[in-house]
N, C-alpha and C. Protein backbone atom coordinates (compact mmCIF):
# COMPACT_ATOMS: atom_id res chain seq x y z
N MET A 1 159.74 123.07 86.43
CA MET A 1 158.44 123.44 85.90
C MET A 1 157.61 122.19 85.58
N TYR A 2 158.26 121.16 85.08
CA TYR A 2 157.56 119.93 84.72
C TYR A 2 156.95 119.27 85.95
N ALA A 3 157.64 119.30 87.07
CA ALA A 3 157.13 118.71 88.31
C ALA A 3 155.88 119.44 88.77
N LEU A 4 155.85 120.75 88.61
CA LEU A 4 154.66 121.53 88.98
C LEU A 4 153.47 121.14 88.13
N GLN A 5 153.68 120.96 86.85
CA GLN A 5 152.59 120.56 85.96
C GLN A 5 152.08 119.16 86.31
N LEU A 6 152.98 118.24 86.61
CA LEU A 6 152.56 116.91 87.03
C LEU A 6 151.74 116.97 88.31
N HIS A 7 152.19 117.81 89.23
CA HIS A 7 151.46 117.97 90.49
C HIS A 7 150.05 118.51 90.25
N GLN A 8 149.92 119.49 89.38
CA GLN A 8 148.61 120.08 89.10
C GLN A 8 147.68 119.07 88.42
N VAL A 9 148.23 118.27 87.50
CA VAL A 9 147.42 117.26 86.83
C VAL A 9 146.96 116.21 87.84
N ARG A 10 147.89 115.79 88.69
CA ARG A 10 147.55 114.78 89.71
C ARG A 10 146.51 115.32 90.67
N GLU A 11 146.67 116.56 91.09
CA GLU A 11 145.70 117.17 92.01
C GLU A 11 144.31 117.25 91.37
N ALA A 12 144.25 117.65 90.12
CA ALA A 12 142.96 117.74 89.42
C ALA A 12 142.31 116.36 89.32
N GLU A 13 143.12 115.34 89.03
CA GLU A 13 142.59 113.98 88.94
C GLU A 13 142.06 113.50 90.29
N LEU A 14 142.78 113.79 91.36
CA LEU A 14 142.33 113.39 92.69
C LEU A 14 141.03 114.10 93.07
N LEU A 15 140.91 115.36 92.71
CA LEU A 15 139.69 116.10 93.00
C LEU A 15 138.50 115.51 92.22
N ARG A 16 138.72 115.17 90.95
CA ARG A 16 137.64 114.56 90.15
C ARG A 16 137.24 113.21 90.75
N ARG A 17 138.23 112.41 91.15
CA ARG A 17 137.95 111.11 91.74
C ARG A 17 137.17 111.25 93.04
N ALA A 18 137.58 112.19 93.87
CA ALA A 18 136.88 112.41 95.15
C ALA A 18 135.44 112.82 94.91
N GLU A 19 135.21 113.69 93.96
CA GLU A 19 133.84 114.13 93.66
C GLU A 19 133.01 112.96 93.14
N ARG A 20 133.59 112.14 92.28
CA ARG A 20 132.87 110.97 91.75
C ARG A 20 132.52 110.00 92.88
N GLU A 21 133.44 109.78 93.80
CA GLU A 21 133.17 108.89 94.92
C GLU A 21 132.09 109.45 95.84
N ARG A 22 132.09 110.76 96.03
CA ARG A 22 131.01 111.38 96.83
C ARG A 22 129.66 111.17 96.17
N LEU A 23 129.61 111.34 94.86
CA LEU A 23 128.35 111.16 94.14
C LEU A 23 127.87 109.71 94.21
N VAL A 24 128.79 108.77 94.07
CA VAL A 24 128.43 107.36 94.15
C VAL A 24 127.89 107.04 95.55
N GLY A 25 128.55 107.55 96.58
CA GLY A 25 128.09 107.32 97.95
C GLY A 25 126.71 107.91 98.18
N GLU A 26 126.50 109.10 97.65
CA GLU A 26 125.19 109.73 97.81
C GLU A 26 124.11 108.93 97.09
N ALA A 27 124.41 108.44 95.89
CA ALA A 27 123.44 107.64 95.15
C ALA A 27 123.12 106.35 95.91
N ARG A 28 124.14 105.74 96.52
CA ARG A 28 123.89 104.54 97.32
C ARG A 28 122.98 104.84 98.50
N ARG A 29 123.25 105.93 99.18
CA ARG A 29 122.41 106.30 100.34
C ARG A 29 120.97 106.55 99.91
N VAL A 30 120.79 107.21 98.78
CA VAL A 30 119.43 107.50 98.29
C VAL A 30 118.71 106.20 97.93
N ARG A 31 119.40 105.30 97.22
CA ARG A 31 118.77 104.02 96.86
C ARG A 31 118.44 103.21 98.10
N ARG A 32 119.35 103.18 99.06
CA ARG A 32 119.10 102.43 100.30
C ARG A 32 117.90 103.00 101.04
N ALA A 33 117.81 104.33 101.11
CA ALA A 33 116.68 104.96 101.79
C ALA A 33 115.37 104.66 101.05
N ALA A 34 115.41 104.64 99.73
CA ALA A 34 114.20 104.33 98.96
C ALA A 34 113.76 102.90 99.20
N ARG A 35 114.72 101.97 99.25
CA ARG A 35 114.35 100.58 99.53
C ARG A 35 113.75 100.44 100.92
N ARG A 36 114.37 101.11 101.91
CA ARG A 36 113.83 101.05 103.27
C ARG A 36 112.42 101.61 103.32
N ALA A 37 112.21 102.74 102.65
CA ALA A 37 110.88 103.34 102.65
C ALA A 37 109.86 102.42 101.99
N ALA A 38 110.26 101.76 100.91
CA ALA A 38 109.34 100.85 100.22
C ALA A 38 109.00 99.66 101.13
N ARG A 39 110.02 99.10 101.80
CA ARG A 39 109.75 97.98 102.70
C ARG A 39 108.85 98.42 103.85
N HIS A 40 109.10 99.61 104.36
CA HIS A 40 108.29 100.11 105.47
C HIS A 40 106.84 100.32 105.02
N ALA A 41 106.65 100.84 103.81
CA ALA A 41 105.30 101.07 103.29
C ALA A 41 104.57 99.74 103.11
N VAL A 42 105.27 98.72 102.63
CA VAL A 42 104.63 97.42 102.44
C VAL A 42 104.23 96.84 103.79
N ARG A 43 105.11 96.96 104.79
CA ARG A 43 104.78 96.45 106.12
C ARG A 43 103.60 97.20 106.71
N LYS A 44 103.58 98.52 106.53
CA LYS A 44 102.48 99.32 107.05
C LYS A 44 101.18 98.93 106.38
N GLU A 45 101.24 98.68 105.07
CA GLU A 45 100.05 98.30 104.31
C GLU A 45 99.56 96.93 104.77
N ALA A 46 100.48 96.04 105.07
CA ALA A 46 100.10 94.69 105.48
C ALA A 46 99.51 94.69 106.88
N GLU A 47 99.93 95.64 107.70
CA GLU A 47 99.40 95.70 109.06
C GLU A 47 98.01 96.31 109.04
N GLY A 48 97.29 96.07 110.07
CA GLY A 48 95.96 96.63 110.16
C GLY A 48 95.16 95.83 111.15
N PRO A 49 93.91 96.18 111.32
CA PRO A 49 93.10 95.42 112.26
C PRO A 49 92.91 93.98 111.76
N VAL A 50 93.04 93.07 112.68
CA VAL A 50 92.88 91.67 112.32
C VAL A 50 91.42 91.39 112.00
N SER A 51 90.55 91.86 112.86
CA SER A 51 89.13 91.66 112.63
C SER A 51 88.36 92.78 113.32
N THR A 52 87.39 93.31 112.62
CA THR A 52 86.55 94.34 113.23
C THR A 52 85.23 93.75 113.72
N ASP A 53 84.95 92.51 113.33
CA ASP A 53 83.71 91.85 113.69
C ASP A 53 83.90 91.14 115.03
N ARG A 54 83.47 91.75 116.11
CA ARG A 54 83.67 91.17 117.44
C ARG A 54 82.63 90.09 117.75
N ASP A 55 81.54 90.02 116.99
CA ASP A 55 80.50 89.02 117.22
C ASP A 55 80.66 87.81 116.31
N GLY A 56 81.81 87.57 115.82
CA GLY A 56 82.05 86.47 114.89
C GLY A 56 82.00 85.11 115.57
N PHE A 57 82.25 85.06 116.86
CA PHE A 57 82.28 83.78 117.56
C PHE A 57 81.07 83.69 118.50
N VAL A 58 80.49 82.50 118.58
CA VAL A 58 79.36 82.26 119.46
C VAL A 58 79.92 81.69 120.75
N HIS A 59 79.39 82.11 121.87
CA HIS A 59 79.85 81.61 123.15
C HIS A 59 79.49 80.13 123.31
N ALA A 60 80.33 79.37 123.94
CA ALA A 60 80.09 77.96 124.16
C ALA A 60 78.95 77.78 125.16
N ALA A 61 78.19 76.70 124.99
CA ALA A 61 77.05 76.46 125.89
C ALA A 61 77.51 75.91 127.22
């Protein structure tokens, strides 16, 4: 009977550990995705037309 109780306690602990590791992995993925999205937004914001004024330069004589 004692072996069965030890087995049940060990099984419960393994299940709790597995769930905790899944949550940690999910949190890492979410943080990584948020950082990627932030970097992408900054790059998108930095990009744009270089110049809209096409008459800025005078032709050489």
